[in-house]
């Protein structure tokens, strides 16, 4: 039996009080970072591989079904606003298409040819990286995508939560976070999903930092898409450039369109 499908350590959940449920879920969640920590050497290998390919024009594709697919799309969609990077640098694809983000599409994850068909419109090349996300490690959509991508010369990696899985065997860089049984048996949106989210954060954040989209600890290339971000950018300028006047810093930010450009104008 797959680890992710093994029986919960907790019995008679229906008889627990709300406090007992919350404390038990939290106790289980607290074990996830330790499982992710063991994966750092493989995550490092993937980040370095991505950077080498991106330096020559490569991209990262995430593929997955259900929760795994949604997590990939979430991570990819946050890159442009957070770091001012191109919208096609990280691309998330889910079995069943965009409609599956909100509602399950019956049978989509069982289509081994589906992922490569979805990728085809982006004209993938050997400069690209494909990361298959599958808690189970056996999702046909992900398995087929990884197999075809590897044949076509892409760098392939996976994020899974079961050891010795088919997906891990297919990927050049398998990232396997074994988080153990879920609190609700088989509900991999819980600990497995949390592990996947942490790993995706680590991958994309490290890549963006290494590509120069962070100065000090600040998101200097973030898009100014709302009042909160304009305020954040203004305060970044005040802190980094020692500008005491909020309005002056805000005017500089709006004039130059980014924290980086505003700071460059002052250092000029």
Protein backbone atom coordinates (compact mmCIF):
# COMPACT_ATOMS: atom_id res chain seq x y z
CA UNK A 1 0.00 0.00 0.00
CA UNK A 2 1.18 3.54 -0.79
CA UNK A 3 2.21 5.56 2.24
CA UNK A 4 -0.21 8.31 1.21
CA UNK A 5 -3.08 5.79 1.25
CA UNK A 6 -2.18 4.15 4.58
CA UNK A 7 -4.59 4.44 7.48
CA UNK A 8 -4.60 7.56 9.64
CA UNK A 9 -2.94 7.35 13.03
CA UNK A 10 -6.15 8.74 14.50
CA UNK A 11 -9.37 6.81 15.05
CA UNK A 12 -13.03 7.83 15.41
CA UNK A 13 -12.52 11.35 14.08
CA UNK A 14 -16.28 11.89 14.17
CA UNK A 15 -16.19 11.62 17.97
CA UNK A 16 -13.51 14.28 18.46
CA UNK A 17 -14.31 17.77 19.69
CA UNK A 18 -13.42 20.74 17.50
CA UNK A 19 -10.39 21.46 19.71
CA UNK A 20 -9.21 17.85 19.47
CA UNK A 21 -9.55 17.92 15.70
CA UNK A 22 -7.63 21.17 15.35
CA UNK A 23 -4.83 20.17 17.71
CA UNK A 24 -4.46 16.78 16.04
CA UNK A 25 -4.32 18.25 12.53
CA UNK A 26 -1.77 20.79 13.72
CA UNK A 27 0.32 18.05 15.32
CA UNK A 28 0.40 16.14 12.04
CA UNK A 29 1.17 19.27 10.02
CA UNK A 30 4.17 20.02 12.25
CA UNK A 31 5.94 16.91 10.91
CA UNK A 32 5.97 18.14 7.30
CA UNK A 33 8.98 20.51 7.38
CA UNK A 34 11.24 17.70 8.61
CA UNK A 35 10.21 15.55 5.65
CA UNK A 36 10.86 18.43 3.25
CA UNK A 37 14.26 19.11 4.84
CA UNK A 38 15.46 15.67 3.74
CA UNK A 39 14.72 16.66 0.13
CA UNK A 40 16.96 19.74 0.05
CA UNK A 41 19.85 18.09 -1.86
CA UNK A 42 17.46 17.11 -4.67
CA UNK A 43 15.74 20.50 -4.63
CA UNK A 44 19.16 22.16 -4.91
CA UNK A 45 19.99 19.97 -7.88
CA UNK A 46 16.76 20.98 -9.59
CA UNK A 47 17.21 24.71 -8.91
CA UNK A 48 20.73 24.62 -10.35
CA UNK A 49 19.46 22.77 -13.42
CA UNK A 50 16.67 25.30 -13.93
CA UNK A 51 19.07 28.22 -13.61
CA UNK A 52 21.46 26.77 -16.16
CA UNK A 53 18.64 26.34 -18.67
CA UNK A 54 16.96 29.67 -17.95
CA UNK A 55 20.25 31.41 -18.65
CA UNK A 56 19.81 30.13 -22.21
CA UNK A 57 16.11 30.99 -22.52
CA UNK A 58 14.49 27.99 -20.83
CA UNK A 59 11.23 27.84 -18.91
CA UNK A 60 9.69 25.74 -16.13
CA UNK A 61 6.48 23.78 -16.61
CA UNK A 62 4.53 22.32 -13.71
CA UNK A 63 2.07 19.51 -14.48
CA UNK A 64 -0.35 17.80 -12.12
CA UNK A 65 -3.91 16.68 -11.52
CA UNK A 66 -6.32 17.80 -8.81
CA UNK A 67 -4.69 19.43 -5.79
CA UNK A 68 -1.21 18.86 -7.23
CA UNK A 69 -2.11 20.64 -10.46
CA UNK A 70 -3.70 23.53 -8.60
CA UNK A 71 -0.61 24.01 -6.44
CA UNK A 72 1.58 24.20 -9.55
CA UNK A 73 -0.70 26.79 -11.12
CA UNK A 74 -0.73 28.80 -7.89
CA UNK A 75 3.05 28.88 -7.70
CA UNK A 76 3.49 29.78 -11.36
CA UNK A 77 0.84 32.51 -11.27
CA UNK A 78 2.52 34.31 -8.38
CA UNK A 79 5.89 34.75 -10.12
CA UNK A 80 5.05 37.72 -12.40
CA UNK A 81 3.40 39.95 -9.77
CA UNK A 82 5.91 39.11 -7.05
CA UNK A 83 9.10 39.35 -9.07
CA UNK A 84 8.16 41.23 -12.24
CA UNK A 85 9.20 38.22 -14.31
CA UNK A 86 7.65 37.23 -17.63
CA UNK A 87 4.34 35.38 -17.54
CA UNK A 88 5.78 32.49 -19.54
CA UNK A 89 8.80 31.81 -17.32
CA UNK A 90 6.87 29.46 -15.02
CA UNK A 91 3.78 27.79 -16.50
CA UNK A 92 1.35 25.59 -14.57
CA UNK A 93 -0.84 23.02 -16.32
CA UNK A 94 -3.59 20.88 -14.80
CA UNK A 95 -5.21 17.73 -16.14
CA UNK A 96 -8.56 18.70 -17.64
CA UNK A 97 -7.56 22.28 -18.45
CA UNK A 98 -8.34 25.51 -16.64
CA UNK A 99 -11.87 24.35 -15.83
CA UNK A 100 -10.35 21.72 -13.54
CA UNK A 101 -8.93 24.44 -11.30
CA UNK A 102 -12.37 24.77 -9.73
CA UNK A 103 -14.08 21.48 -10.56
CA UNK A 104 -12.73 17.98 -11.06
CA UNK A 105 -12.80 16.79 -14.68
CA UNK A 106 -13.67 13.12 -14.75
CA UNK A 107 -10.96 10.88 -16.16
CA UNK A 108 -8.56 13.70 -17.07
CA UNK A 109 -5.79 12.50 -14.78
CA UNK A 110 -5.91 9.03 -16.38
CA UNK A 111 -4.90 10.33 -19.82
CA UNK A 112 -1.19 9.52 -20.27
CA UNK A 113 -0.97 11.61 -23.43
CA UNK A 114 -2.81 14.60 -21.96
CA UNK A 115 0.12 16.47 -20.45
CA UNK A 116 2.24 16.46 -23.59
CA UNK A 117 -0.79 17.49 -25.62
CA UNK A 118 -1.29 20.42 -23.22
CA UNK A 119 2.40 21.30 -23.41
CA UNK A 120 2.52 21.20 -27.20
CA UNK A 121 1.02 24.67 -27.65
CA UNK A 122 4.01 26.12 -25.77
CA UNK A 123 6.50 24.43 -28.13
CA UNK A 124 8.64 22.88 -25.37
CA UNK A 125 12.35 22.45 -26.07
CA UNK A 126 15.42 20.90 -24.48
CA UNK A 127 16.06 24.21 -22.70
CA UNK A 128 12.90 23.74 -20.64
CA UNK A 129 12.30 21.93 -17.35
CA UNK A 130 9.22 19.84 -16.56
CA UNK A 131 8.24 19.26 -12.93
CA UNK A 132 5.57 16.61 -12.43
CA UNK A 133 3.61 17.00 -9.19
CA UNK A 134 1.83 13.89 -7.93
CA UNK A 135 1.39 13.00 -4.28
CA UNK A 136 0.58 9.41 -5.21
CA UNK A 137 3.48 9.10 -7.59
CA UNK A 138 1.35 7.19 -10.07
CA UNK A 139 -0.89 9.74 -11.81
CA UNK A 140 -0.94 8.76 -15.53
CA UNK A 141 -1.20 12.39 -16.71
CA UNK A 142 2.04 13.21 -14.88
CA UNK A 143 3.77 9.93 -15.67
CA UNK A 144 3.11 10.23 -19.40
CA UNK A 145 4.19 13.86 -19.45
CA UNK A 146 7.48 13.11 -17.73
CA UNK A 147 8.22 10.16 -20.00
CA UNK A 148 7.63 12.15 -23.19
CA UNK A 149 9.48 15.20 -21.89
CA UNK A 150 12.52 13.13 -21.06
CA UNK A 151 12.47 11.60 -24.53
CA UNK A 152 12.38 15.12 -25.98
CA UNK A 153 15.41 16.24 -23.96
CA UNK A 154 13.76 18.40 -21.29
CA UNK A 155 15.12 18.29 -17.76
CA UNK A 156 12.56 16.33 -15.73
CA UNK A 157 11.80 16.37 -12.02
CA UNK A 158 8.93 15.33 -9.79
CA UNK A 159 7.48 16.15 -6.40
CA UNK A 160 5.82 13.16 -4.79
CA UNK A 161 5.11 11.78 -1.33
CA UNK A 162 5.48 8.04 -1.93
CA UNK A 163 8.84 6.28 -2.09
CA UNK A 164 9.68 3.98 -5.00
CA UNK A 165 6.92 5.41 -7.19
CA UNK A 166 6.57 5.21 -10.98
CA UNK A 167 6.76 8.99 -11.27
CA UNK A 168 9.98 9.13 -9.24
CA UNK A 169 11.50 6.42 -11.43
CA UNK A 170 10.64 8.41 -14.57
CA UNK A 171 12.07 11.75 -13.39
CA UNK A 172 15.75 12.64 -13.63
CA UNK A 173 15.50 14.54 -10.34
CA UNK A 174 12.96 12.89 -8.02
CA UNK A 175 11.95 14.92 -4.97
CA UNK A 176 10.24 12.56 -2.55
CA UNK A 177 8.83 14.03 0.68
CA UNK A 178 7.49 11.11 2.71
CA UNK A 179 5.10 12.78 5.14
CA UNK A 180 3.34 9.60 6.25
CA UNK A 181 -0.38 8.85 6.61
CA UNK A 182 -2.82 11.72 6.28
CA UNK A 183 -5.01 12.81 9.21
CA UNK A 184 -8.02 11.84 7.13
CA UNK A 185 -6.94 8.63 5.41
CA UNK A 186 -5.92 9.29 1.80
CA UNK A 187 -6.70 13.03 1.86
CA UNK A 188 -3.49 14.16 0.19
CA UNK A 189 -4.58 17.79 0.02
CA UNK A 190 -3.45 17.89 3.66
CA UNK A 191 0.14 16.98 4.62
CA UNK A 192 1.15 15.93 1.12
CA UNK A 193 -0.24 19.15 -0.34
CA UNK A 194 1.53 21.18 2.34
CA UNK A 195 4.84 19.48 1.51
CA UNK A 196 4.33 20.14 -2.20
CA UNK A 197 3.57 23.81 -1.54
CA UNK A 198 6.68 24.22 0.61
CA UNK A 199 8.87 22.63 -2.06
CA UNK A 200 7.36 24.75 -4.84
CA UNK A 201 7.99 27.86 -2.73
CA UNK A 202 11.61 26.81 -2.31
CA UNK A 203 12.14 26.13 -6.01
CA UNK A 204 10.63 29.30 -7.48
CA UNK A 205 11.82 31.65 -4.74
CA UNK A 206 15.40 30.40 -4.97
CA UNK A 207 15.36 30.69 -8.76
CA UNK A 208 14.02 34.24 -8.64
CA UNK A 209 16.58 35.32 -6.06
CA UNK A 210 19.44 33.75 -8.01
CA UNK A 211 18.20 35.51 -11.17
CA UNK A 212 18.54 38.86 -9.41
CA UNK A 213 14.91 39.76 -8.72
CA UNK A 214 15.61 40.41 -5.02
CA UNK A 215 17.93 43.04 -3.54
CA UNK A 216 18.82 42.56 0.11
CA UNK A 217 15.59 40.89 1.11
CA UNK A 218 13.24 43.05 -0.94
CA UNK A 219 11.05 42.27 -3.99
CA UNK A 220 12.38 45.20 -5.96
CA UNK A 221 10.78 44.13 -9.25
CA UNK A 222 7.26 43.45 -7.95
CA UNK A 223 4.35 44.76 -10.01
CA UNK A 224 2.52 47.77 -8.59
CA UNK A 225 -0.96 46.36 -9.11
CA UNK A 226 -2.77 47.69 -6.03
CA UNK A 227 -2.59 50.23 -3.21
CA UNK A 228 -1.02 47.75 -0.77
CA UNK A 229 1.88 47.05 -3.12
CA UNK A 230 2.39 50.73 -3.90
CA UNK A 231 2.58 51.36 -0.15
CA UNK A 232 5.00 48.44 0.30
CA UNK A 233 7.18 49.72 -2.53
CA UNK A 234 7.16 53.23 -1.10
CA UNK A 235 8.37 51.95 2.26
CA UNK A 236 11.06 49.87 0.59
CA UNK A 237 12.42 53.02 -1.04
CA UNK A 238 12.27 54.91 2.25
CA UNK A 239 14.19 52.14 4.00
CA UNK A 240 16.75 51.34 1.32
CA UNK A 241 17.49 54.91 0.21
CA UNK A 242 17.02 56.55 3.62
CA UNK A 243 14.24 58.78 2.28
CA UNK A 244 12.27 60.24 5.20
CA UNK A 245 9.49 61.79 3.12
CA UNK A 246 6.76 59.21 2.34
CA UNK A 247 5.21 61.28 -0.44
CA UNK A 248 8.58 61.86 -2.12
CA UNK A 249 9.30 58.13 -2.05
CA UNK A 250 5.83 57.36 -3.41
CA UNK A 251 6.19 59.88 -6.21
CA UNK A 252 9.54 58.35 -7.19
CA UNK A 253 8.03 54.88 -7.24
CA UNK A 254 5.12 55.91 -9.45
CA UNK A 255 7.38 57.94 -11.74
CA UNK A 256 9.82 55.09 -12.39
CA UNK A 257 7.37 52.18 -12.14
CA UNK A 258 9.35 49.88 -9.87
CA UNK A 259 11.33 49.90 -6.65
CA UNK A 260 14.49 48.93 -8.55
CA UNK A 261 14.20 51.76 -11.07
CA UNK A 262 13.41 54.30 -8.34
CA UNK A 263 16.42 53.22 -6.31
CA UNK A 264 18.64 53.30 -9.39
CA UNK A 265 17.53 56.87 -10.07
CA UNK A 266 18.65 57.91 -6.59
CA UNK A 267 21.97 56.11 -6.90
CA UNK A 268 22.46 57.49 -10.28
